[in-house]
Amino acid sequence: AEGVDILQAALARDRLGEFQAQAAIAALHADAPTAAETDWVQ
């Protein structure tokens, strides 16, 4: 939850960089209740 909050605040400033992109991928994995529900398209 802390990682997602920090990431969302950074992304809101609209200055995307590689670490923010990597964190977004990690957040999508963390957000999936199960592996089968992972949003692979995103």
Full PDB file with SEQRES, HELIX, SHEET, SSBOND, CRYST1, ORIGX, SCALE, CONECT and MASTER records, all heavy atoms in Angstrom:
SEQRES   1 A   42  ALA GLU GLY VAL ASP ILE LEU GLN ALA ALA LEU ALA ARG          
SEQRES   2 A   42  ASP ARG LEU GLY GLU PHE GLN ALA GLN ALA ALA ILE ALA          
SEQRES   3 A   42  ALA LEU HIS ALA ASP ALA PRO THR ALA ALA GLU THR ASP          
SEQRES   4 A   42  TRP VAL GLN                                                  
HELIX    1 AA1 GLU A    2  LEU A   11  1                                  10    
HELIX    2 AA2 GLU A   18  ASP A   31  1                                  14    
HELIX    3 AA3 ALA A   35  GLU A   37  5                                   3    
CRYST1    1.000    1.000    1.000  90.00  90.00  90.00 P 1           1          
ORIGX1      1.000000  0.000000  0.000000        0.00000                         
ORIGX2      0.000000  1.000000  0.000000        0.00000                         
ORIGX3      0.000000  0.000000  1.000000        0.00000                         
SCALE1      1.000000  0.000000  0.000000        0.00000                         
SCALE2      0.000000  1.000000  0.000000        0.00000                         
SCALE3      0.000000  0.000000  1.000000        0.00000                         
ATOM      1  N   ALA A   1       0.831  -1.207   0.000  1.00  0.00           N  
ATOM      2  CA  ALA A   1       0.000   0.000   0.000  1.00  0.00           C  
ATOM      3  C   ALA A   1       0.868   1.261   0.000  1.00  0.00           C  
ATOM      4  O   ALA A   1       0.573   2.225  -0.724  1.00  0.00           O  
ATOM      5  CB  ALA A   1      -0.925  -0.003   1.218  1.00  0.00           C  
ATOM      6  N   GLU A   2       1.940   1.231   0.779  1.00  0.00           N  
ATOM      7  CA  GLU A   2       2.830   2.386   0.800  1.00  0.00           C  
ATOM      8  C   GLU A   2       3.474   2.596  -0.568  1.00  0.00           C  
ATOM      9  O   GLU A   2       3.544   3.727  -1.077  1.00  0.00           O  
ATOM     10  CB  GLU A   2       3.915   2.202   1.861  1.00  0.00           C  
ATOM     11  CG  GLU A   2       4.857   3.395   1.951  1.00  0.00           C  
ATOM     12  CD  GLU A   2       6.041   3.169   2.883  1.00  0.00           C  
ATOM     13  OE1 GLU A   2       6.194   2.044   3.413  1.00  0.00           O  
ATOM     14  OE2 GLU A   2       6.830   4.125   3.065  1.00  0.00           O  
ATOM     15  N   GLY A   3       3.942   1.503  -1.177  1.00  0.00           N  
ATOM     16  CA  GLY A   3       4.569   1.600  -2.494  1.00  0.00           C  
ATOM     17  C   GLY A   3       3.611   2.136  -3.542  1.00  0.00           C  
ATOM     18  O   GLY A   3       3.980   2.982  -4.362  1.00  0.00           O  
ATOM     19  N   VAL A   4       2.368   1.663  -3.512  1.00  0.00           N  
ATOM     20  CA  VAL A   4       1.368   2.118  -4.492  1.00  0.00           C  
ATOM     21  C   VAL A   4       1.066   3.603  -4.292  1.00  0.00           C  
ATOM     22  O   VAL A   4       0.959   4.374  -5.262  1.00  0.00           O  
ATOM     23  CB  VAL A   4       0.084   1.277  -4.385  1.00  0.00           C  
ATOM     24  CG1 VAL A   4      -1.053   1.894  -5.193  1.00  0.00           C  
ATOM     25  CG2 VAL A   4       0.357  -0.154  -4.864  1.00  0.00           C  
ATOM     26  N   ASP A   5       0.932   4.032  -3.035  1.00  0.00           N  
ATOM     27  CA  ASP A   5       0.647   5.449  -2.758  1.00  0.00           C  
ATOM     28  C   ASP A   5       1.780   6.343  -3.269  1.00  0.00           C  
ATOM     29  O   ASP A   5       1.537   7.391  -3.887  1.00  0.00           O  
ATOM     30  CB  ASP A   5       0.460   5.663  -1.257  1.00  0.00           C  
ATOM     31  CG  ASP A   5      -0.868   5.117  -0.754  1.00  0.00           C  
ATOM     32  OD1 ASP A   5      -1.751   4.834  -1.590  1.00  0.00           O  
ATOM     33  OD2 ASP A   5      -1.013   4.967   0.478  1.00  0.00           O  
ATOM     34  N   ILE A   6       3.024   5.941  -3.010  1.00  0.00           N  
ATOM     35  CA  ILE A   6       4.177   6.727  -3.465  1.00  0.00           C  
ATOM     36  C   ILE A   6       4.206   6.791  -4.984  1.00  0.00           C  
ATOM     37  O   ILE A   6       4.449   7.845  -5.587  1.00  0.00           O  
ATOM     38  CB  ILE A   6       5.480   6.124  -2.911  1.00  0.00           C  
ATOM     39  CG1 ILE A   6       5.545   6.295  -1.398  1.00  0.00           C  
ATOM     40  CG2 ILE A   6       6.708   6.757  -3.573  1.00  0.00           C  
ATOM     41  CD1 ILE A   6       6.679   5.528  -0.737  1.00  0.00           C  
ATOM     42  N   LEU A   7       3.932   5.644  -5.626  1.00  0.00           N  
ATOM     43  CA  LEU A   7       3.944   5.590  -7.092  1.00  0.00           C  
ATOM     44  C   LEU A   7       2.859   6.479  -7.690  1.00  0.00           C  
ATOM     45  O   LEU A   7       3.112   7.231  -8.639  1.00  0.00           O  
ATOM     46  CB  LEU A   7       3.764   4.151  -7.561  1.00  0.00           C  
ATOM     47  CG  LEU A   7       3.581   3.954  -9.071  1.00  0.00           C  
ATOM     48  CD1 LEU A   7       4.825   4.413  -9.818  1.00  0.00           C  
ATOM     49  CD2 LEU A   7       3.257   2.509  -9.398  1.00  0.00           C  
ATOM     50  N   GLN A   8       1.650   6.403  -7.161  1.00  0.00           N  
ATOM     51  CA  GLN A   8       0.542   7.191  -7.709  1.00  0.00           C  
ATOM     52  C   GLN A   8       0.824   8.688  -7.602  1.00  0.00           C  
ATOM     53  O   GLN A   8       0.528   9.454  -8.531  1.00  0.00           O  
ATOM     54  CB  GLN A   8      -0.752   6.825  -6.988  1.00  0.00           C  
ATOM     55  CG  GLN A   8      -1.289   5.450  -7.368  1.00  0.00           C  
ATOM     56  CD  GLN A   8      -2.538   5.064  -6.603  1.00  0.00           C  
ATOM     57  OE1 GLN A   8      -2.829   5.628  -5.539  1.00  0.00           O  
ATOM     58  NE2 GLN A   8      -3.282   4.106  -7.137  1.00  0.00           N  
ATOM     59  N   ALA A   9       1.436   9.097  -6.486  1.00  0.00           N  
ATOM     60  CA  ALA A   9       1.775  10.514  -6.325  1.00  0.00           C  
ATOM     61  C   ALA A   9       2.816  10.946  -7.355  1.00  0.00           C  
ATOM     62  O   ALA A   9       2.751  12.057  -7.903  1.00  0.00           O  
ATOM     63  CB  ALA A   9       2.283  10.769  -4.908  1.00  0.00           C  
ATOM     64  N   ALA A  10       3.775  10.060  -7.636  1.00  0.00           N  
ATOM     65  CA  ALA A  10       4.812  10.382  -8.628  1.00  0.00           C  
ATOM     66  C   ALA A  10       4.220  10.432 -10.038  1.00  0.00           C  
ATOM     67  O   ALA A  10       4.503  11.355 -10.814  1.00  0.00           O  
ATOM     68  CB  ALA A  10       5.941   9.359  -8.560  1.00  0.00           C  
ATOM     69  N   LEU A  11       3.397   9.443 -10.389  1.00  0.00           N  
ATOM     70  CA  LEU A  11       2.807   9.405 -11.729  1.00  0.00           C  
ATOM     71  C   LEU A  11       1.894  10.600 -11.973  1.00  0.00           C  
ATOM     72  O   LEU A  11       1.766  11.061 -13.114  1.00  0.00           O  
ATOM     73  CB  LEU A  11       2.023   8.103 -11.916  1.00  0.00           C  
ATOM     74  CG  LEU A  11       2.845   6.813 -11.997  1.00  0.00           C  
ATOM     75  CD1 LEU A  11       1.923   5.595 -12.051  1.00  0.00           C  
ATOM     76  CD2 LEU A  11       3.785   6.820 -13.195  1.00  0.00           C  
ATOM     77  N   ALA A  12       1.281  11.103 -10.918  1.00  0.00           N  
ATOM     78  CA  ALA A  12       0.365  12.237 -11.071  1.00  0.00           C  
ATOM     79  C   ALA A  12       1.092  13.493 -11.538  1.00  0.00           C  
ATOM     80  O   ALA A  12       0.465  14.401 -12.091  1.00  0.00           O  
ATOM     81  CB  ALA A  12      -0.347  12.507  -9.746  1.00  0.00           C  
ATOM     82  N   ARG A  13       2.411  13.547 -11.344  1.00  0.00           N  
ATOM     83  CA  ARG A  13       3.181  14.719 -11.766  1.00  0.00           C  
ATOM     84  C   ARG A  13       3.559  14.636 -13.245  1.00  0.00           C  
ATOM     85  O   ARG A  13       4.183  15.554 -13.776  1.00  0.00           O  
ATOM     86  CB  ARG A  13       4.415  14.889 -10.872  1.00  0.00           C  
ATOM     87  CG  ARG A  13       4.037  15.143  -9.412  1.00  0.00           C  
ATOM     88  CD  ARG A  13       5.173  15.757  -8.614  1.00  0.00           C  
ATOM     89  NE  ARG A  13       6.227  14.811  -8.279  1.00  0.00           N  
ATOM     90  CZ  ARG A  13       6.226  14.045  -7.191  1.00  0.00           C  
ATOM     91  NH1 ARG A  13       5.218  14.106  -6.324  1.00  0.00           N  
ATOM     92  NH2 ARG A  13       7.227  13.219  -6.937  1.00  0.00           N  
ATOM     93  N   ASP A  14       3.205  13.511 -13.889  1.00  0.00           N  
ATOM     94  CA  ASP A  14       3.317  13.353 -15.343  1.00  0.00           C  
ATOM     95  C   ASP A  14       4.734  13.598 -15.873  1.00  0.00           C  
ATOM     96  O   ASP A  14       4.932  14.286 -16.870  1.00  0.00           O  
ATOM     97  CB  ASP A  14       2.325  14.279 -16.046  1.00  0.00           C  
ATOM     98  CG  ASP A  14       2.066  13.845 -17.491  1.00  0.00           C  
ATOM     99  OD1 ASP A  14       2.281  12.660 -17.790  1.00  0.00           O  
ATOM    100  OD2 ASP A  14       1.676  14.691 -18.307  1.00  0.00           O  
ATOM    101  N   ARG A  15       5.721  13.022 -15.195  1.00  0.00           N  
ATOM    102  CA  ARG A  15       7.109  13.066 -15.680  1.00  0.00           C  
ATOM    103  C   ARG A  15       7.659  11.651 -15.579  1.00  0.00           C  
ATOM    104  O   ARG A  15       8.480  11.344 -14.727  1.00  0.00           O  
ATOM    105  CB  ARG A  15       7.944  14.057 -14.859  1.00  0.00           C  
ATOM    106  CG  ARG A  15       7.457  15.500 -14.980  1.00  0.00           C  
ATOM    107  CD  ARG A  15       8.323  16.459 -14.190  1.00  0.00           C  
ATOM    108  NE  ARG A  15       9.703  16.465 -14.671  1.00  0.00           N  
ATOM    109  CZ  ARG A  15      10.682  17.184 -14.098  1.00  0.00           C  
ATOM    110  NH1 ARG A  15      10.428  17.919 -13.036  1.00  0.00           N  
ATOM    111  NH2 ARG A  15      11.900  17.148 -14.590  1.00  0.00           N  
ATOM    112  N   LEU A  16       7.180  10.805 -16.479  1.00  0.00           N  
ATOM    113  CA  LEU A  16       7.466   9.374 -16.401  1.00  0.00           C  
ATOM    114  C   LEU A  16       8.946   9.084 -16.627  1.00  0.00           C  
ATOM    115  O   LEU A  16       9.588   9.658 -17.501  1.00  0.00           O  
ATOM    116  CB  LEU A  16       6.638   8.619 -17.444  1.00  0.00           C  
ATOM    117  CG  LEU A  16       6.753   7.095 -17.422  1.00  0.00           C  
ATOM    118  CD1 LEU A  16       6.227   6.531 -16.113  1.00  0.00           C  
ATOM    119  CD2 LEU A  16       6.006   6.493 -18.602  1.00  0.00           C  
ATOM    120  N   GLY A  17       9.469   8.160 -15.807  1.00  0.00           N  
ATOM    121  CA  GLY A  17      10.831   7.669 -15.961  1.00  0.00           C  
ATOM    122  C   GLY A  17      10.846   6.163 -15.813  1.00  0.00           C  
ATOM    123  O   GLY A  17       9.824   5.541 -15.498  1.00  0.00           O  
ATOM    124  N   GLU A  18      12.009   5.574 -16.020  1.00  0.00           N  
ATOM    125  CA  GLU A  18      12.080   4.108 -16.054  1.00  0.00           C  
ATOM    126  C   GLU A  18      11.727   3.456 -14.720  1.00  0.00           C  
ATOM    127  O   GLU A  18      11.095   2.401 -14.690  1.00  0.00           O  
ATOM    128  CB  GLU A  18      13.476   3.648 -16.500  1.00  0.00           C  
ATOM    129  CG  GLU A  18      14.612   4.020 -15.575  1.00  0.00           C  
ATOM    130  CD  GLU A  18      15.909   3.328 -15.968  1.00  0.00           C  
ATOM    131  OE1 GLU A  18      15.956   2.088 -15.945  1.00  0.00           O  
ATOM    132  OE2 GLU A  18      16.874   4.039 -16.292  1.00  0.00           O  
ATOM    133  N   PHE A  19      12.099   4.075 -13.586  1.00  0.00           N  
ATOM    134  CA  PHE A  19      11.793   3.448 -12.305  1.00  0.00           C  
ATOM    135  C   PHE A  19      10.298   3.508 -12.010  1.00  0.00           C  
ATOM    136  O   PHE A  19       9.732   2.582 -11.422  1.00  0.00           O  
ATOM    137  CB  PHE A  19      12.601   4.105 -11.188  1.00  0.00           C  
ATOM    138  CG  PHE A  19      14.080   3.850 -11.288  1.00  0.00           C  
ATOM    139  CD1 PHE A  19      14.976   4.898 -11.288  1.00  0.00           C  
ATOM    140  CD2 PHE A  19      14.567   2.559 -11.401  1.00  0.00           C  
ATOM    141  CE1 PHE A  19      16.347   4.661 -11.396  1.00  0.00           C  
ATOM    142  CE2 PHE A  19      15.930   2.308 -11.513  1.00  0.00           C  
ATOM    143  CZ  PHE A  19      16.826   3.371 -11.512  1.00  0.00           C  
ATOM    144  N   GLN A  20       9.638   4.585 -12.428  1.00  0.00           N  
ATOM    145  CA  GLN A  20       8.187   4.650 -12.267  1.00  0.00           C  
ATOM    146  C   GLN A  20       7.503   3.580 -13.120  1.00  0.00           C  
ATOM    147  O   GLN A  20       6.538   2.950 -12.677  1.00  0.00           O  
ATOM    148  CB  GLN A  20       7.683   6.037 -12.663  1.00  0.00           C  
ATOM    149  CG  GLN A  20       8.150   7.162 -11.758  1.00  0.00           C  
ATOM    150  CD  GLN A  20       7.838   8.516 -12.356  1.00  0.00           C  
ATOM    151  OE1 GLN A  20       6.686   8.941 -12.352  1.00  0.00           O  
ATOM    152  NE2 GLN A  20       8.855   9.191 -12.890  1.00  0.00           N  
ATOM    153  N   ALA A  21       8.014   3.366 -14.342  1.00  0.00           N  
ATOM    154  CA  ALA A  21       7.428   2.340 -15.212  1.00  0.00           C  
ATOM    155  C   ALA A  21       7.612   0.949 -14.603  1.00  0.00           C  
ATOM    156  O   ALA A  21       6.681   0.128 -14.610  1.00  0.00           O  
ATOM    157  CB  ALA A  21       8.060   2.407 -16.600  1.00  0.00           C  
ATOM    158  N   GLN A  22       8.795   0.681 -14.080  1.00  0.00           N  
ATOM    159  CA  GLN A  22       9.026  -0.617 -13.432  1.00  0.00           C  
ATOM    160  C   GLN A  22       8.131  -0.790 -12.218  1.00  0.00           C  
ATOM    161  O   GLN A  22       7.607  -1.878 -11.961  1.00  0.00           O  
ATOM    162  CB  GLN A  22      10.487  -0.742 -13.018  1.00  0.00           C  
ATOM    163  CG  GLN A  22      11.454  -0.943 -14.168  1.00  0.00           C  
ATOM    164  CD  GLN A  22      12.828  -1.337 -13.677  1.00  0.00           C  
ATOM    165  OE1 GLN A  22      12.984  -2.315 -12.952  1.00  0.00           O  
ATOM    166  NE2 GLN A  22      13.836  -0.582 -14.055  1.00  0.00           N  
ATOM    167  N   ALA A  23       7.972   0.286 -11.448  1.00  0.00           N  
ATOM    168  CA  ALA A  23       7.125   0.210 -10.257  1.00  0.00           C  
ATOM    169  C   ALA A  23       5.669  -0.035 -10.648  1.00  0.00           C  
ATOM    170  O   ALA A  23       4.940  -0.752  -9.947  1.00  0.00           O  
ATOM    171  CB  ALA A  23       7.251   1.495  -9.444  1.00  0.00           C  
ATOM    172  N   ALA A  24       5.227   0.554 -11.766  1.00  0.00           N  
ATOM    173  CA  ALA A  24       3.849   0.338 -12.226  1.00  0.00           C  
ATOM    174  C   ALA A  24       3.620  -1.136 -12.556  1.00  0.00           C  
ATOM    175  O   ALA A  24       2.553  -1.696 -12.261  1.00  0.00           O  
ATOM    176  CB  ALA A  24       3.559   1.217 -13.442  1.00  0.00           C  
ATOM    177  N   ILE A  25       4.614  -1.778 -13.159  1.00  0.00           N  
ATOM    178  CA  ILE A  25       4.510  -3.212 -13.469  1.00  0.00           C  
ATOM    179  C   ILE A  25       4.421  -4.018 -12.175  1.00  0.00           C  
ATOM    180  O   ILE A  25       3.579  -4.912 -12.031  1.00  0.00           O  
ATOM    181  CB  ILE A  25       5.716  -3.660 -14.318  1.00  0.00           C  
ATOM    182  CG1 ILE A  25       5.658  -2.986 -15.697  1.00  0.00           C  
ATOM    183  CG2 ILE A  25       5.748  -5.181 -14.453  1.00  0.00           C  
ATOM    184  CD1 ILE A  25       6.947  -3.113 -16.495  1.00  0.00           C  
ATOM    185  N   ALA A  26       5.295  -3.681 -11.213  1.00  0.00           N  
ATOM    186  CA  ALA A  26       5.277  -4.383  -9.928  1.00  0.00           C  
ATOM    187  C   ALA A  26       3.947  -4.182  -9.206  1.00  0.00           C  
ATOM    188  O   ALA A  26       3.427  -5.102  -8.562  1.00  0.00           O  
ATOM    189  CB  ALA A  26       6.432  -3.899  -9.049  1.00  0.00           C  
ATOM    190  N   ALA A  27       3.378  -2.970  -9.329  1.00  0.00           N  
ATOM    191  CA  ALA A  27       2.099  -2.684  -8.673  1.00  0.00           C  
ATOM    192  C   ALA A  27       0.965  -3.519  -9.275  1.00  0.00           C  
ATOM    193  O   ALA A  27       0.068  -3.977  -8.558  1.00  0.00           O  
ATOM    194  CB  ALA A  27       1.786  -1.194  -8.786  1.00  0.00           C  
ATOM    195  N   LEU A  28       0.999  -3.726 -10.580  1.00  0.00           N  
ATOM    196  CA  LEU A  28      -0.033  -4.545 -11.219  1.00  0.00           C  
ATOM    197  C   LEU A  28       0.044  -5.998 -10.748  1.00  0.00           C  
ATOM    198  O   LEU A  28      -0.983  -6.661 -10.556  1.00  0.00           O  
ATOM    199  CB  LEU A  28       0.106  -4.464 -12.742  1.00  0.00           C  
ATOM    200  CG  LEU A  28      -0.375  -3.149 -13.365  1.00  0.00           C  
ATOM    201  CD1 LEU A  28       0.106  -3.028 -14.808  1.00  0.00           C  
ATOM    202  CD2 LEU A  28      -1.897  -3.048 -13.305  1.00  0.00           C  
ATOM    203  N   HIS A  29       1.261  -6.504 -10.564  1.00  0.00           N  
ATOM    204  CA  HIS A  29       1.409  -7.856 -10.001  1.00  0.00           C  
ATOM    205  C   HIS A  29       0.872  -7.901  -8.579  1.00  0.00           C  
ATOM    206  O   HIS A  29       0.170  -8.841  -8.179  1.00  0.00           O  
ATOM    207  CB  HIS A  29       2.879  -8.280 -10.027  1.00  0.00           C  
ATOM    208  CG  HIS A  29       3.369  -8.695 -11.372  1.00  0.00           C  
ATOM    209  ND1 HIS A  29       2.857  -9.784 -12.046  1.00  0.00           N  
ATOM    210  CD2 HIS A  29       4.345  -8.179 -12.170  1.00  0.00           C  
ATOM    211  CE1 HIS A  29       3.490  -9.925 -13.209  1.00  0.00           C  
ATOM    212  NE2 HIS A  29       4.389  -8.966 -13.307  1.00  0.00           N  
ATOM    213  N   ALA A  30       1.216  -6.862  -7.794  1.00  0.00           N  
ATOM    214  CA  ALA A  30       0.806  -6.838  -6.391  1.00  0.00           C  
ATOM    215  C   ALA A  30      -0.701  -6.684  -6.244  1.00  0.00           C  
ATOM    216  O   ALA A  30      -1.291  -7.149  -5.252  1.00  0.00           O  
ATOM    217  CB  ALA A  30       1.520  -5.695  -5.661  1.00  0.00           C  
ATOM    218  N   ASP A  31      -1.335  -6.053  -7.215  1.00  0.00           N  
ATOM    219  CA  ASP A  31      -2.772  -5.767  -7.140  1.00  0.00           C  
ATOM    220  C   ASP A  31      -3.629  -6.977  -7.491  1.00  0.00           C  
ATOM    221  O   ASP A  31      -4.817  -7.024  -7.144  1.00  0.00           O  
ATOM    222  CB  ASP A  31      -3.100  -4.607  -8.084  1.00  0.00           C  
ATOM    223  CG  ASP A  31      -4.517  -4.103  -7.913  1.00  0.00           C  
ATOM    224  OD1 ASP A  31      -4.887  -3.792  -6.772  1.00  0.00           O  
ATOM    225  OD2 ASP A  31      -5.248  -4.017  -8.918  1.00  0.00           O  
ATOM    226  N   ALA A  32      -3.039  -7.959  -8.176  1.00  0.00           N  
ATOM    227  CA  ALA A  32      -3.820  -9.120  -8.621  1.00  0.00           C  
ATOM    228  C   ALA A  32      -4.076 -10.067  -7.447  1.00  0.00           C  
ATOM    229  O   ALA A  32      -3.123 -10.540  -6.820  1.00  0.00           O  
ATOM    230  CB  ALA A  32      -3.081  -9.855  -9.730  1.00  0.00           C  
ATOM    231  N   PRO A  33      -5.352 -10.385  -7.138  1.00  0.00           N  
ATOM    232  CA  PRO A  33      -5.638 -11.308  -6.030  1.00  0.00           C  
ATOM    233  C   PRO A  33      -5.046 -12.699  -6.263  1.00  0.00           C  
ATOM    234  O   PRO A  33      -4.644 -13.384  -5.326  1.00  0.00           O  
ATOM    235  CB  PRO A  33      -7.168 -11.356  -6.006  1.00  0.00           C  
ATOM    236  CG  PRO A  33      -7.621 -10.116  -6.710  1.00  0.00           C  
ATOM    237  CD  PRO A  33      -6.577  -9.848  -7.755  1.00  0.00           C  
ATOM    238  N   THR A  34      -5.015 -13.122  -7.534  1.00  0.00           N  
ATOM    239  CA  THR A  34      -4.417 -14.406  -7.898  1.00  0.00           C  
ATOM    240  C   THR A  34      -3.587 -14.205  -9.167  1.00  0.00           C  
ATOM    241  O   THR A  34      -3.763 -13.210  -9.879  1.00  0.00           O  
ATOM    242  CB  THR A  34      -5.488 -15.472  -8.184  1.00  0.00           C  
ATOM    243  OG1 THR A  34      -6.237 -15.086  -9.342  1.00  0.00           O  
ATOM    244  CG2 THR A  34      -6.422 -15.638  -7.003  1.00  0.00           C  
ATOM    245  N   ALA A  35      -2.721 -15.162  -9.444  1.00  0.00           N  
ATOM    246  CA  ALA A  35      -1.906 -15.065 -10.653  1.00  0.00           C  
ATOM    247  C   ALA A  35      -2.776 -15.032 -11.900  1.00  0.00           C  
ATOM    248  O   ALA A  35      -2.478 -14.321 -12.866  1.00  0.00           O  
ATOM    249  CB  ALA A  35      -0.934 -16.243 -10.716  1.00  0.00           C  
ATOM    250  N   ALA A  36      -3.881 -15.789 -11.883  1.00  0.00           N  
ATOM    251  CA  ALA A  36      -4.766 -15.860 -13.050  1.00  0.00           C  
ATOM    252  C   ALA A  36      -5.459 -14.527 -13.330  1.00  0.00           C  
ATOM    253  O   ALA A  36      -5.892 -14.276 -14.462  1.00  0.00           O  
ATOM    254  CB  ALA A  36      -5.810 -16.947 -12.844  1.00  0.00           C  
ATOM    255  N   GLU A  37      -5.556 -13.674 -12.315  1.00  0.00           N  
ATOM    256  CA  GLU A  37      -6.251 -12.388 -12.472  1.00  0.00           C  
ATOM    257  C   GLU A  37      -5.293 -11.241 -12.790  1.00  0.00           C  
ATOM    258  O   GLU A  37      -5.705 -10.085 -12.804  1.00  0.00           O  
ATOM    259  CB  GLU A  37      -7.035 -12.071 -11.199  1.00  0.00           C  
ATOM    260  CG  GLU A  37      -8.165 -13.051 -10.916  1.00  0.00           C  
ATOM    261  CD  GLU A  37      -8.804 -12.818  -9.561  1.00  0.00           C  
ATOM    262  OE1 GLU A  37      -9.736 -11.982  -9.479  1.00  0.00           O  
ATOM    263  OE2 GLU A  37      -8.379 -13.460  -8.583  1.00  0.00           O  
ATOM    264  N   THR A  38      -4.042 -11.553 -13.067  1.00  0.00           N  
ATOM    265  CA  THR A  38      -3.067 -10.520 -13.403  1.00  0.00           C  
ATOM    266  C   THR A  38      -3.447  -9.834 -14.712  1.00  0.00           C  
ATOM    267  O   THR A  38      -3.804 -10.490 -15.688  1.00  0.00           O  
ATOM    268  CB  THR A  38      -1.660 -11.136 -13.549  1.00  0.00           C  
ATOM    269  OG1 THR A  38      -1.316 -11.808 -12.336  1.00  0.00           O  
ATOM    270  CG2 THR A  38      -0.625 -10.058 -13.825  1.00  0.00           C  
ATOM    271  N   ASP A  39      -3.361  -8.506 -14.723  1.00  0.00           N  
ATOM    272  CA  ASP A  39      -3.716  -7.731 -15.917  1.00  0.00           C  
ATOM    273  C   ASP A  39      -2.504  -7.671 -16.848  1.00  0.00           C  
ATOM    274  O   ASP A  39      -1.780  -6.677 -16.911  1.00  0.00           O  
ATOM    275  CB  ASP A  39      -4.146  -6.318 -15.506  1.00  0.00           C  
ATOM    276  CG  ASP A  39      -4.728  -5.526 -16.675  1.00  0.00           C  
ATOM    277  OD1 ASP A  39      -4.543  -5.945 -17.831  1.00  0.00           O  
ATOM    278  OD2 ASP A  39      -5.360  -4.484 -16.431  1.00  0.00           O  
ATOM    279  N   TRP A  40      -2.308  -8.758 -17.616  1.00  0.00           N  
ATOM    280  CA  TRP A  40      -1.122  -8.852 -18.468  1.00  0.00           C  
ATOM    281  C   TRP A  40      -1.157  -7.861 -19.626  1.00  0.00           C  
ATOM    282  O   TRP A  40      -0.104  -7.401 -20.076  1.00  0.00           O  
ATOM    283  CB  TRP A  40      -0.983 -10.282 -18.998  1.00  0.00           C  
ATOM    284  CG  TRP A  40      -0.493 -11.232 -17.952  1.00  0.00           C  
ATOM    285  CD1 TRP A  40      -1.213 -12.191 -17.307  1.00  0.00           C  
ATOM    286  CD2 TRP A  40       0.836 -11.297 -17.418  1.00  0.00           C  
ATOM    287  NE1 TRP A  40      -0.422 -12.857 -16.403  1.00  0.00           N  
ATOM    288  CE2 TRP A  40       0.841 -12.339 -16.456  1.00  0.00           C  
ATOM    289  CE3 TRP A  40       2.014 -10.598 -17.651  1.00  0.00           C  
ATOM    290  CZ2 TRP A  40       1.980 -12.682 -15.726  1.00  0.00           C  
ATOM    291  CZ3 TRP A  40       3.152 -10.934 -16.934  1.00  0.00           C  
ATOM    292  CH2 TRP A  40       3.137 -11.956 -15.985  1.00  0.00           C  
ATOM    293  N   VAL A  41      -2.337  -7.524 -20.114  1.00  0.00           N  
ATOM    294  CA  VAL A  41      -2.417  -6.554 -21.216  1.00  0.00           C  
ATOM    295  C   VAL A  41      -1.838  -5.214 -20.775  1.00  0.00           C  
ATOM    296  O   VAL A  41      -1.043  -4.584 -21.494  1.00  0.00           O  
ATOM    297  CB  VAL A  41      -3.872  -6.390 -21.697  1.00  0.00           C  
ATOM    298  CG1 VAL A  41      -3.985  -5.249 -22.699  1.00  0.00           C  
ATOM    299  CG2 VAL A  41      -4.379  -7.695 -22.309  1.00  0.00           C  
ATOM    300  N   GLN A  42      -2.213  -4.777 -19.578  1.00  0.00           N  
ATOM    301  CA  GLN A  42      -1.694  -3.507 -19.080  1.00  0.00           C  
ATOM    302  C   GLN A  42      -0.198  -3.614 -18.762  1.00  0.00           C  
ATOM    303  O   GLN A  42       0.553  -2.654 -18.964  1.00  0.00           O  
ATOM    304  CB  GLN A  42      -2.477  -3.064 -17.834  1.00  0.00           C  
ATOM    305  CG  GLN A  42      -2.262  -1.595 -17.513  1.00  0.00           C  
ATOM    306  CD  GLN A  42      -3.154  -1.087 -16.404  1.00  0.00           C  
ATOM    307  OE1 GLN A  42      -2.912  -0.015 -15.868  1.00  0.00           O  
ATOM    308  NE2 GLN A  42      -4.181  -1.835 -16.032  1.00  0.00           N  
TER     309      GLN A  42                                                      
MASTER        0    0    0    3    0    0    0    6  308    1    0    4          
END                                                                             
